[in-house]
């Protein structure tokens, strides 16, 4: 029988202190029926859930488009990795997340922040390095967080967030709080050694973690077929005894249903679960990537036939769950939210130089 390691001493963390300073962020509506494993045939998803998914996916798309514009204007420095094309994953998984669950991911993180319910103004302000940002202008695009929203960060080291996600799951097991750690990484990170160390420990100790591989086919610029001997990444847990599943990451309902199943598996004490989300990013790896390793025709074909937002809209129209007026209202609402966030970020003050050494160490 696997042994559980000794329980660590309880320490106060800076994150805990920060989370007490502001009210909880408002997250997208939770699909309670999804968590119960319902399907469309049982009345789920209903009109309200479909519209909620659509609104949040559109918010991410428009926010990222504006972020790309601000980067081109020089208002966002450093690296900037856009989530355009992958919106269904963050939104679908967020809809099965329960209070107390955690989300941790890599550097393509803006979509996850917005799906978690973080204020678009704070997110955009952080991208532009302003004091009003969620990490007070110190994290930038790749390293912001919001504990109250259950978002434990984007992380710049490829695959480095995976053992951290397992650590969050260990804390959940230690506390017996029935919470789940949703740990995201990409197809490139799937080949990193620390990922398999985390897999081993997670299964050994039956940690409540769902490992979500956002397989957008190209890692930084090399196709998964050229970089991976086993391209079915959901099978990577077989040697550890971790079940895995391939999911259409361009279909928000498919994501939510698979996410509900995996979360329940982990939450029930059975241990980790792997979900490979087959998706596609429309932009380059980062804003500095011209993406010459693939053809324009390939990208256009995905946009035309598999776009997650268009797919959901077509589904709603076929069900009679929406109309042109409702779509225009959502579009106008989202455009205003993004425009206000961009203006807020453009005009907000930068951090005072005296803040350089604050929030560096945790008080224990």
Protein backbone atom coordinates (compact mmCIF):
# COMPACT_ATOMS: atom_id res chain seq x y z
CA UNK A 1 0.00 0.00 0.00
CA UNK A 2 1.32 3.46 -0.88
CA UNK A 3 2.39 5.57 2.05
CA UNK A 4 1.21 9.13 2.52
CA UNK A 5 4.03 11.50 3.47
CA UNK A 6 4.12 13.18 6.86
CA UNK A 7 1.84 16.18 7.19
CA UNK A 8 3.64 19.50 6.90
CA UNK A 9 3.44 22.16 9.56
CA UNK A 10 0.81 24.81 8.90
CA UNK A 11 2.27 28.11 7.69
CA UNK A 12 0.60 31.43 6.92
CA UNK A 13 1.17 32.40 3.33
CA UNK A 14 1.29 35.69 1.51
CA UNK A 15 -1.38 34.38 -0.82
CA UNK A 16 -3.75 33.83 2.10
CA UNK A 17 -3.12 37.33 3.36
CA UNK A 18 -3.70 38.79 -0.08
CA UNK A 19 -6.94 36.88 -0.52
CA UNK A 20 -8.36 38.42 2.65
CA UNK A 21 -8.00 41.94 1.25
CA UNK A 22 -10.82 41.79 -1.28
CA UNK A 23 -14.15 40.07 -1.85
CA UNK A 24 -14.39 36.89 -3.85
CA UNK A 25 -14.35 37.30 -7.61
CA UNK A 26 -17.50 36.43 -9.50
CA UNK A 27 -16.98 33.27 -11.51
CA UNK A 28 -19.07 32.03 -14.44
CA UNK A 29 -22.28 30.23 -13.55
CA UNK A 30 -21.54 26.68 -12.45
CA UNK A 31 -23.15 23.94 -14.49
CA UNK A 32 -24.55 21.94 -11.58
CA UNK A 33 -26.23 19.53 -13.97
CA UNK A 34 -22.90 19.02 -15.73
CA UNK A 35 -21.30 18.04 -12.45
CA UNK A 36 -24.08 15.52 -12.00
CA UNK A 37 -23.20 14.00 -15.37
CA UNK A 38 -26.33 15.14 -17.16
CA UNK A 39 -26.52 15.24 -20.92
CA UNK A 40 -28.48 17.31 -23.39
CA UNK A 41 -31.13 14.60 -23.47
CA UNK A 42 -31.81 15.21 -19.78
CA UNK A 43 -32.42 18.92 -20.26
CA UNK A 44 -28.81 20.04 -20.00
CA UNK A 45 -27.37 22.32 -21.08
CA UNK A 46 -30.30 24.70 -20.87
CA UNK A 47 -30.56 28.09 -22.54
CA UNK A 48 -29.05 29.91 -19.59
CA UNK A 49 -25.97 27.70 -19.53
CA UNK A 50 -25.44 27.98 -23.28
CA UNK A 51 -25.64 31.78 -23.16
CA UNK A 52 -23.27 31.86 -20.19
CA UNK A 53 -20.72 29.77 -22.07
CA UNK A 54 -21.10 31.91 -25.18
CA UNK A 55 -20.69 35.18 -23.30
CA UNK A 56 -17.53 34.05 -21.49
CA UNK A 57 -15.96 32.57 -24.62
CA UNK A 58 -16.68 35.76 -26.55
CA UNK A 59 -15.26 37.86 -23.70
CA UNK A 60 -11.99 35.91 -23.85
CA UNK A 61 -11.83 36.23 -27.66
CA UNK A 62 -12.43 39.99 -27.69
CA UNK A 63 -10.14 40.57 -24.70
CA UNK A 64 -7.28 38.71 -26.36
CA UNK A 65 -7.78 40.55 -29.62
CA UNK A 66 -7.51 43.86 -27.76
CA UNK A 67 -4.48 42.62 -25.81
CA UNK A 68 -2.80 41.89 -29.14
CA UNK A 69 -3.53 45.45 -30.26
CA UNK A 70 -2.10 46.92 -27.04
CA UNK A 71 1.01 44.80 -27.47
CA UNK A 72 1.46 46.15 -30.98
CA UNK A 73 1.14 49.70 -29.59
CA UNK A 74 3.92 49.03 -27.09
CA UNK A 75 1.63 49.19 -24.05
CA UNK A 76 2.29 45.55 -23.13
CA UNK A 77 5.94 44.57 -22.73
CA UNK A 78 7.72 41.25 -22.51
CA UNK A 79 6.01 38.11 -23.71
CA UNK A 80 2.31 37.81 -24.50
CA UNK A 81 0.68 34.47 -25.36
CA UNK A 82 -2.88 34.72 -26.64
CA UNK A 83 -5.63 32.14 -26.03
CA UNK A 84 -7.57 32.78 -29.24
CA UNK A 85 -9.05 29.50 -30.51
CA UNK A 86 -8.83 27.65 -27.19
CA UNK A 87 -11.66 29.42 -25.34
CA UNK A 88 -13.92 26.37 -24.98
CA UNK A 89 -11.44 24.62 -22.68
CA UNK A 90 -11.13 27.23 -19.94
CA UNK A 91 -14.85 28.06 -20.03
CA UNK A 92 -16.07 24.46 -20.15
CA UNK A 93 -13.82 23.32 -17.31
CA UNK A 94 -14.64 26.35 -15.20
CA UNK A 95 -18.33 25.46 -15.40
CA UNK A 96 -17.72 22.24 -13.43
CA UNK A 97 -15.36 23.81 -10.89
CA UNK A 98 -16.74 23.98 -7.33
CA UNK A 99 -16.02 26.45 -4.56
CA UNK A 100 -12.60 25.66 -3.12
CA UNK A 101 -11.24 24.00 -6.28
CA UNK A 102 -8.05 25.47 -7.73
CA UNK A 103 -6.82 26.27 -11.23
CA UNK A 104 -3.15 26.52 -12.19
CA UNK A 105 -1.70 26.82 -15.67
CA UNK A 106 1.23 27.89 -17.83
CA UNK A 107 1.91 31.22 -19.49
CA UNK A 108 -1.03 31.16 -21.97
CA UNK A 109 -3.20 32.18 -19.08
CA UNK A 110 -5.39 35.21 -19.82
CA UNK A 111 -8.35 33.06 -20.88
CA UNK A 112 -8.17 31.07 -17.66
CA UNK A 113 -8.15 34.25 -15.60
CA UNK A 114 -11.27 35.60 -17.26
CA UNK A 115 -13.04 32.23 -17.08
CA UNK A 116 -12.26 32.12 -13.36
CA UNK A 117 -14.11 35.40 -12.91
CA UNK A 118 -11.21 37.80 -12.50
CA UNK A 119 -12.02 41.43 -13.24
CA UNK A 120 -11.07 42.21 -16.89
CA UNK A 121 -9.88 45.65 -15.79
CA UNK A 122 -7.45 44.13 -13.28
CA UNK A 123 -6.24 41.57 -15.81
CA UNK A 124 -5.64 44.18 -18.53
CA UNK A 125 -4.00 46.52 -16.02
CA UNK A 126 -1.63 43.72 -15.04
CA UNK A 127 -0.76 43.13 -18.69
CA UNK A 128 0.28 46.78 -18.97
CA UNK A 129 2.23 46.71 -15.69
CA UNK A 130 -0.08 49.01 -13.73
CA UNK A 131 -0.48 49.20 -9.97
CA UNK A 132 -4.19 48.39 -10.29
CA UNK A 133 -3.35 45.02 -11.82
CA UNK A 134 -4.19 41.78 -10.04
CA UNK A 135 -0.52 41.35 -9.06
CA UNK A 136 0.07 45.11 -8.67
CA UNK A 137 1.88 45.30 -12.00
CA UNK A 138 4.62 42.87 -10.99
CA UNK A 139 3.42 39.70 -12.71
CA UNK A 140 2.61 40.82 -16.20
CA UNK A 141 1.15 38.50 -18.80
CA UNK A 142 2.63 35.24 -17.55
CA UNK A 143 2.60 35.49 -13.76
CA UNK A 144 -0.58 36.93 -12.32
CA UNK A 145 -2.86 35.19 -9.83
CA UNK A 146 -6.02 35.63 -7.77
CA UNK A 147 -6.46 33.29 -4.83
CA UNK A 148 -10.03 34.46 -4.20
CA UNK A 149 -10.93 33.34 -7.72
CA UNK A 150 -9.16 30.03 -7.13
CA UNK A 151 -6.57 30.94 -9.75
CA UNK A 152 -3.06 30.03 -8.65
CA UNK A 153 -1.23 31.52 -11.50
CA UNK A 154 0.18 31.41 -14.88
CA UNK A 155 3.75 30.11 -14.72
CA UNK A 156 6.58 30.87 -17.12
CA UNK A 157 8.65 27.71 -16.71
CA UNK A 158 7.46 25.07 -19.20
CA UNK A 159 5.77 22.32 -17.18
CA UNK A 160 6.82 23.90 -13.88
CA UNK A 161 3.21 24.38 -12.79
CA UNK A 162 2.42 20.66 -12.96
CA UNK A 163 4.15 19.61 -9.71
CA UNK A 164 2.72 22.76 -8.12
CA UNK A 165 -0.74 21.62 -9.15
CA UNK A 166 -0.03 18.24 -7.59
CA UNK A 167 1.04 20.11 -4.48
CA UNK A 168 -2.29 21.92 -4.33
CA UNK A 169 -3.98 18.53 -4.61
CA UNK A 170 -1.82 17.20 -1.76
CA UNK A 171 -2.98 20.10 0.40
CA UNK A 172 -6.59 19.24 -0.47
CA UNK A 173 -6.07 15.65 0.57
CA UNK A 174 -4.31 16.70 3.76
CA UNK A 175 -7.24 18.96 4.65
CA UNK A 176 -9.83 16.44 3.44
CA UNK A 177 -11.78 19.32 1.90
CA UNK A 178 -12.98 17.42 -1.21
CA UNK A 179 -11.46 20.10 -3.45
CA UNK A 180 -9.85 19.34 -6.81
CA UNK A 181 -6.79 20.88 -8.44
CA UNK A 182 -7.28 21.55 -12.16
CA UNK A 183 -3.73 21.55 -13.51
CA UNK A 184 -3.23 22.69 -17.12
CA UNK A 185 -0.25 22.29 -19.43
CA UNK A 186 0.39 22.05 -23.14
CA UNK A 187 1.53 19.42 -25.60
CA UNK A 188 5.07 20.77 -25.43
CA UNK A 189 5.17 20.59 -21.64
CA UNK A 190 3.84 17.02 -21.85
CA UNK A 191 7.40 15.91 -22.69
CA UNK A 192 8.97 17.50 -19.60
CA UNK A 193 10.39 15.24 -16.90
CA UNK A 194 8.78 16.98 -13.93
CA UNK A 195 5.36 16.18 -15.40
CA UNK A 196 5.99 12.46 -14.95
CA UNK A 197 7.37 12.91 -11.46
CA UNK A 198 4.10 14.68 -10.64
CA UNK A 199 2.08 11.89 -12.30
CA UNK A 200 3.87 9.30 -10.19
CA UNK A 201 3.34 11.09 -6.90
CA UNK A 202 -0.27 11.96 -7.71
CA UNK A 203 -1.20 8.34 -8.37
CA UNK A 204 0.95 7.00 -5.53
CA UNK A 205 -0.87 9.19 -3.01
CA UNK A 206 -4.23 9.27 -4.84
CA UNK A 207 -4.22 13.04 -5.05
CA UNK A 208 -7.39 14.84 -6.24
CA UNK A 209 -5.98 16.43 -9.39
CA UNK A 210 -7.21 16.61 -12.97
CA UNK A 211 -4.31 17.04 -15.39
CA UNK A 212 -5.56 18.91 -18.47
CA UNK A 213 -3.35 18.83 -21.57
CA UNK A 214 -4.23 21.67 -23.94
CA UNK A 215 -2.94 20.05 -27.12
CA UNK A 216 -2.95 22.89 -29.64
CA UNK A 217 -0.83 20.79 -32.01
CA UNK A 218 2.33 22.91 -32.19
CA UNK A 219 3.97 23.58 -28.81
CA UNK A 220 6.23 26.58 -29.56
CA UNK A 221 6.56 25.88 -33.27
CA UNK A 222 7.10 22.15 -33.72
CA UNK A 223 4.14 19.92 -34.50
CA UNK A 224 3.27 17.27 -31.95
CA UNK A 225 3.96 14.58 -34.56
CA UNK A 226 7.58 15.73 -34.87
CA UNK A 227 8.15 16.19 -31.13
CA UNK A 228 6.37 13.24 -29.48
CA UNK A 229 6.87 9.51 -29.96
CA UNK A 230 3.39 8.94 -28.51
CA UNK A 231 1.05 11.56 -29.92
CA UNK A 232 -2.02 10.37 -28.00
CA UNK A 233 -1.09 12.37 -24.94
CA UNK A 234 -3.99 11.14 -22.80
CA UNK A 235 -2.19 7.78 -22.72
CA UNK A 236 0.83 9.24 -20.96
CA UNK A 237 -0.48 8.14 -17.57
CA UNK A 238 -0.90 4.44 -18.42
CA UNK A 239 2.37 3.33 -16.83
CA UNK A 240 1.29 5.03 -13.59
CA UNK A 241 -2.23 3.64 -13.65
CA UNK A 242 -3.81 7.04 -14.35
CA UNK A 243 -6.89 6.93 -16.61
CA UNK A 244 -7.00 9.33 -19.53
CA UNK A 245 -9.42 10.54 -22.17
CA UNK A 246 -9.24 12.50 -25.43
CA UNK A 247 -11.74 15.35 -25.70
CA UNK A 248 -12.78 17.70 -28.51
CA UNK A 249 -11.42 20.90 -27.00
CA UNK A 250 -13.26 23.00 -29.58
CA UNK A 251 -16.67 21.90 -28.21
CA UNK A 252 -17.47 23.56 -24.89
CA UNK A 253 -20.19 21.03 -24.03
CA UNK A 254 -17.86 18.10 -24.68
CA UNK A 255 -15.28 19.78 -22.45
CA UNK A 256 -17.79 20.33 -19.63
CA UNK A 257 -19.07 16.76 -19.75
CA UNK A 258 -15.58 15.23 -19.74
CA UNK A 259 -14.51 17.69 -17.04
CA UNK A 260 -17.43 16.76 -14.80
CA UNK A 261 -16.55 13.07 -15.10
CA UNK A 262 -12.86 13.62 -14.37
CA UNK A 263 -13.53 15.97 -11.45
CA UNK A 264 -15.91 13.51 -9.83
CA UNK A 265 -13.33 10.73 -10.22
CA UNK A 266 -10.66 12.81 -8.48
CA UNK A 267 -13.03 14.23 -5.87
CA UNK A 268 -14.23 10.77 -4.84
CA UNK A 269 -10.73 9.76 -3.71
CA UNK A 270 -9.76 7.62 -6.71
CA UNK A 271 -6.79 9.80 -7.60
CA UNK A 272 -5.69 11.76 -10.68
CA UNK A 273 -7.27 11.83 -14.13
CA UNK A 274 -5.84 13.04 -17.46
CA UNK A 275 -7.85 14.93 -20.07
CA UNK A 276 -6.25 15.65 -23.43
CA UNK A 277 -8.07 18.58 -25.01
CA UNK A 278 -7.55 18.59 -28.79
CA UNK A 279 -7.58 22.26 -29.69
CA UNK A 280 -5.89 24.83 -31.93
CA UNK A 281 -4.44 28.28 -31.46
CA UNK A 282 -5.02 30.76 -34.25
CA UNK A 283 -2.12 33.08 -33.43
CA UNK A 284 1.58 32.30 -33.09
CA UNK A 285 3.08 30.82 -29.95
CA UNK A 286 3.55 34.37 -28.68
CA UNK A 287 3.14 37.81 -30.19
CA UNK A 288 6.71 37.62 -31.52
CA UNK A 289 6.03 34.39 -33.44
CA UNK A 290 5.09 34.79 -37.14
CA UNK A 291 3.95 31.12 -37.20
CA UNK A 292 5.58 30.31 -40.53
CA UNK A 293 5.67 26.61 -39.63
CA UNK A 294 2.07 26.16 -40.79
CA UNK A 295 0.08 27.39 -43.75
CA UNK A 296 -2.53 30.12 -43.74
CA UNK A 297 -4.88 27.63 -45.41
CA UNK A 298 -4.59 25.31 -42.41
CA UNK A 299 -5.49 28.04 -39.94
CA UNK A 300 -8.37 29.28 -42.10
CA UNK A 301 -9.78 25.77 -42.39
CA UNK A 302 -9.90 25.39 -38.61
CA UNK A 303 -11.52 28.79 -38.22
CA UNK A 304 -14.11 27.89 -40.84
CA UNK A 305 -14.99 24.40 -39.65
CA UNK A 306 -14.08 24.09 -35.95
CA UNK A 307 -14.21 27.52 -34.31
CA UNK A 308 -15.54 26.95 -30.76
CA UNK A 309 -17.57 30.16 -30.59
CA UNK A 310 -19.18 29.72 -34.01
CA UNK A 311 -19.89 26.07 -33.17
CA UNK A 312 -21.73 27.02 -29.98
CA UNK A 313 -23.69 29.77 -31.69
CA UNK A 314 -24.81 27.39 -34.42
CA UNK A 315 -25.89 24.87 -31.78
CA UNK A 316 -27.92 27.49 -29.94
CA UNK A 317 -29.59 28.68 -33.12
CA UNK A 318 -30.49 25.10 -34.08
CA UNK A 319 -32.04 24.59 -30.62
CA UNK A 320 -33.92 27.88 -30.79
CA UNK A 321 -32.04 29.01 -27.69
CA UNK A 322 -31.08 32.40 -29.07
CA UNK A 323 -31.87 34.97 -31.73
CA UNK A 324 -30.14 37.79 -33.55
CA UNK A 325 -31.20 40.39 -30.98
CA UNK A 326 -29.77 38.39 -28.07
CA UNK A 327 -26.49 37.85 -29.89
CA UNK A 328 -26.16 41.55 -30.66
CA UNK A 329 -26.82 42.40 -27.02
CA UNK A 330 -24.11 40.00 -25.80
CA UNK A 331 -21.67 41.29 -28.39
CA UNK A 332 -22.30 44.91 -27.38
CA UNK A 333 -21.91 44.06 -23.70
CA UNK A 334 -18.63 42.25 -24.25
CA UNK A 335 -17.21 44.99 -26.47
CA UNK A 336 -17.94 47.59 -23.79
CA UNK A 337 -16.34 45.48 -21.06
CA UNK A 338 -13.18 45.08 -23.13
CA UNK A 339 -13.07 48.73 -24.20
CA UNK A 340 -13.46 49.86 -20.58
CA UNK A 341 -10.73 47.46 -19.48
CA UNK A 342 -8.34 48.73 -22.14
CA UNK A 343 -8.98 52.36 -21.23
CA UNK A 344 -8.59 51.60 -17.53
CA UNK A 345 -5.28 49.86 -18.20
CA UNK A 346 -4.03 52.66 -20.41
CA UNK A 347 -4.70 55.39 -17.87
CA UNK A 348 -4.04 53.63 -14.55
CA UNK A 349 -0.85 54.69 -12.71
CA UNK A 350 2.28 52.57 -12.70
CA UNK A 351 3.54 51.10 -9.40
CA UNK A 352 5.50 53.42 -7.13
CA UNK A 353 9.22 52.57 -7.04
CA UNK A 354 8.85 51.94 -3.29
CA UNK A 355 6.79 48.84 -4.16
CA UNK A 356 9.83 47.12 -5.68
CA UNK A 357 10.56 45.06 -2.57
CA UNK A 358 7.03 44.42 -1.33
CA UNK A 359 5.24 41.08 -1.77
CA UNK A 360 8.57 39.31 -2.22
CA UNK A 361 8.63 37.11 0.89
CA UNK A 362 5.85 35.35 2.72
CA UNK A 363 5.47 36.01 6.44
CA UNK A 364 5.49 32.73 8.34
